[in-house]
Amino acid sequence: MVTIETIVEIAEDGMLVVKAPGHAPRGRRRIRIEIDDGAAAVPEKRPVPDFAGFRARLGAPVYPGNTILEMREEERS
């Protein structure tokens, strides 16, 4: 059994779409849905931290921008 806790929107026509995590079994499944009475709060989005200082301390090249998201050609194996 896999438990998925997420926030969804139910469309005017009653359509409910949920994206399952990668480890969830595929195919037709029996599920249980519980709808909470209160509206769900949207989680606060936080920016991904820039690890330029961390890379510099390791002796790795430092590039402008968010270095954790940008993989450089010389760093690819």
C-alpha atoms as a PDB file:
ATOM      1  CA  MET A   1       0.000   0.000   0.000  1.00  0.00           C
ATOM      2  CA  VAL A   2       1.216   3.497  -0.871  1.00  0.00           C
ATOM      3  CA  THR A   3      -0.030   6.613   0.916  1.00  0.00           C
ATOM      4  CA  ILE A   4       0.007   9.825  -1.131  1.00  0.00           C
ATOM      5  CA  GLU A   5      -0.744  13.111   0.603  1.00  0.00           C
ATOM      6  CA  THR A   6      -1.067  16.042  -1.772  1.00  0.00           C
ATOM      7  CA  ILE A   7      -3.173  19.076  -2.673  1.00  0.00           C
ATOM      8  CA  VAL A   8      -5.491  18.789  -5.675  1.00  0.00           C
ATOM      9  CA  GLU A   9      -8.060  20.920  -7.458  1.00  0.00           C
ATOM     10  CA  ILE A  10     -11.466  19.558  -8.304  1.00  0.00           C
ATOM     11  CA  ALA A  11     -12.747  21.072 -11.565  1.00  0.00           C
ATOM     12  CA  GLU A  12     -16.304  22.318 -12.074  1.00  0.00           C
ATOM     13  CA  ASP A  13     -17.144  19.076 -13.905  1.00  0.00           C
ATOM     14  CA  GLY A  14     -15.900  17.057 -10.902  1.00  0.00           C
ATOM     15  CA  MET A  15     -12.693  15.888 -12.617  1.00  0.00           C
ATOM     16  CA  LEU A  16      -9.913  15.139 -10.151  1.00  0.00           C
ATOM     17  CA  VAL A  17      -6.391  14.445 -11.429  1.00  0.00           C
ATOM     18  CA  VAL A  18      -3.554  13.324  -9.166  1.00  0.00           C
ATOM     19  CA  LYS A  19       0.020  12.668 -10.242  1.00  0.00           C
ATOM     20  CA  ALA A  20       1.381   9.624  -8.426  1.00  0.00           C
ATOM     21  CA  PRO A  21       5.024   9.411  -7.313  1.00  0.00           C
ATOM     22  CA  GLY A  22       7.427   7.281  -9.340  1.00  0.00           C
ATOM     23  CA  HIS A  23       7.402   4.387  -6.865  1.00  0.00           C
ATOM     24  CA  ALA A  24       3.590   3.967  -6.933  1.00  0.00           C
ATOM     25  CA  PRO A  25       2.362   0.813  -8.687  1.00  0.00           C
ATOM     26  CA  ARG A  26       1.045   1.345 -12.219  1.00  0.00           C
ATOM     27  CA  GLY A  27      -2.199   0.170 -13.728  1.00  0.00           C
ATOM     28  CA  ARG A  28      -5.780   0.158 -12.535  1.00  0.00           C
ATOM     29  CA  ARG A  29      -5.910   0.385  -8.731  1.00  0.00           C
ATOM     30  CA  ARG A  30      -8.505   0.658  -6.005  1.00  0.00           C
ATOM     31  CA  ILE A  31      -7.970   3.851  -3.988  1.00  0.00           C
ATOM     32  CA  ARG A  32      -9.601   5.680  -1.100  1.00  0.00           C
ATOM     33  CA  ILE A  33     -10.071   9.463  -1.283  1.00  0.00           C
ATOM     34  CA  GLU A  34     -10.855  11.589   1.760  1.00  0.00           C
ATOM     35  CA  ILE A  35     -11.788  15.223   1.153  1.00  0.00           C
ATOM     36  CA  ASP A  36     -11.028  17.569   4.049  1.00  0.00           C
ATOM     37  CA  ASP A  37     -13.719  20.158   4.829  1.00  0.00           C
ATOM     38  CA  GLY A  38     -11.279  23.084   4.918  1.00  0.00           C
ATOM     39  CA  ALA A  39      -9.497  24.648   1.973  1.00  0.00           C
ATOM     40  CA  ALA A  40      -5.857  23.633   1.629  1.00  0.00           C
ATOM     41  CA  ALA A  41      -3.183  26.244   2.098  1.00  0.00           C
ATOM     42  CA  VAL A  42      -0.758  26.475  -0.793  1.00  0.00           C
ATOM     43  CA  PRO A  43       2.758  25.745   0.471  1.00  0.00           C
ATOM     44  CA  GLU A  44       5.225  28.611   0.328  1.00  0.00           C
ATOM     45  CA  LYS A  45       7.673  28.308  -2.565  1.00  0.00           C
ATOM     46  CA  ARG A  46      11.261  28.898  -1.566  1.00  0.00           C
ATOM     47  CA  PRO A  47      14.088  29.509  -4.023  1.00  0.00           C
ATOM     48  CA  VAL A  48      16.762  26.860  -4.415  1.00  0.00           C
ATOM     49  CA  PRO A  49      19.848  28.006  -2.487  1.00  0.00           C
ATOM     50  CA  ASP A  50      22.938  29.052  -4.435  1.00  0.00           C
ATOM     51  CA  PHE A  51      25.884  26.873  -3.462  1.00  0.00           C
ATOM     52  CA  ALA A  52      28.613  28.995  -5.062  1.00  0.00           C
ATOM     53  CA  GLY A  53      30.369  29.505  -1.709  1.00  0.00           C
ATOM     54  CA  PHE A  54      30.203  25.794  -0.945  1.00  0.00           C
ATOM     55  CA  ARG A  55      31.693  24.940  -4.361  1.00  0.00           C
ATOM     56  CA  ALA A  56      34.468  27.494  -3.817  1.00  0.00           C
ATOM     57  CA  ARG A  57      35.383  25.889  -0.463  1.00  0.00           C
ATOM     58  CA  LEU A  58      35.612  22.515  -2.225  1.00  0.00           C
ATOM     59  CA  GLY A  59      37.942  23.962  -4.833  1.00  0.00           C
ATOM     60  CA  ALA A  60      35.394  23.432  -7.619  1.00  0.00           C
ATOM     61  CA  PRO A  61      34.923  26.074 -10.336  1.00  0.00           C
ATOM     62  CA  VAL A  62      32.378  28.761  -9.445  1.00  0.00           C
ATOM     63  CA  TYR A  63      30.066  30.103 -12.155  1.00  0.00           C
ATOM     64  CA  PRO A  64      27.569  32.962 -12.097  1.00  0.00           C
ATOM     65  CA  GLY A  65      23.948  31.976 -11.533  1.00  0.00           C
ATOM     66  CA  ASN A  66      22.615  29.106  -9.513  1.00  0.00           C
ATOM     67  CA  THR A  67      25.471  26.642  -9.737  1.00  0.00           C
ATOM     68  CA  ILE A  68      23.516  23.742  -8.233  1.00  0.00           C
ATOM     69  CA  LEU A  69      21.052  23.725 -11.137  1.00  0.00           C
ATOM     70  CA  GLU A  70      23.469  24.293 -13.974  1.00  0.00           C
ATOM     71  CA  MET A  71      25.693  21.351 -14.888  1.00  0.00           C
ATOM     72  CA  ARG A  72      28.767  22.364 -16.837  1.00  0.00           C
ATOM     73  CA  GLU A  73      30.167  20.352 -19.727  1.00  0.00           C
ATOM     74  CA  GLU A  74      33.443  19.600 -17.886  1.00  0.00           C
ATOM     75  CA  GLU A  75      31.520  18.235 -14.876  1.00  0.00           C
ATOM     76  CA  ARG A  76      29.586  15.623 -16.866  1.00  0.00           C
ATOM     77  CA  SER A  77      30.903  12.082 -16.718  1.00  0.00           C
END
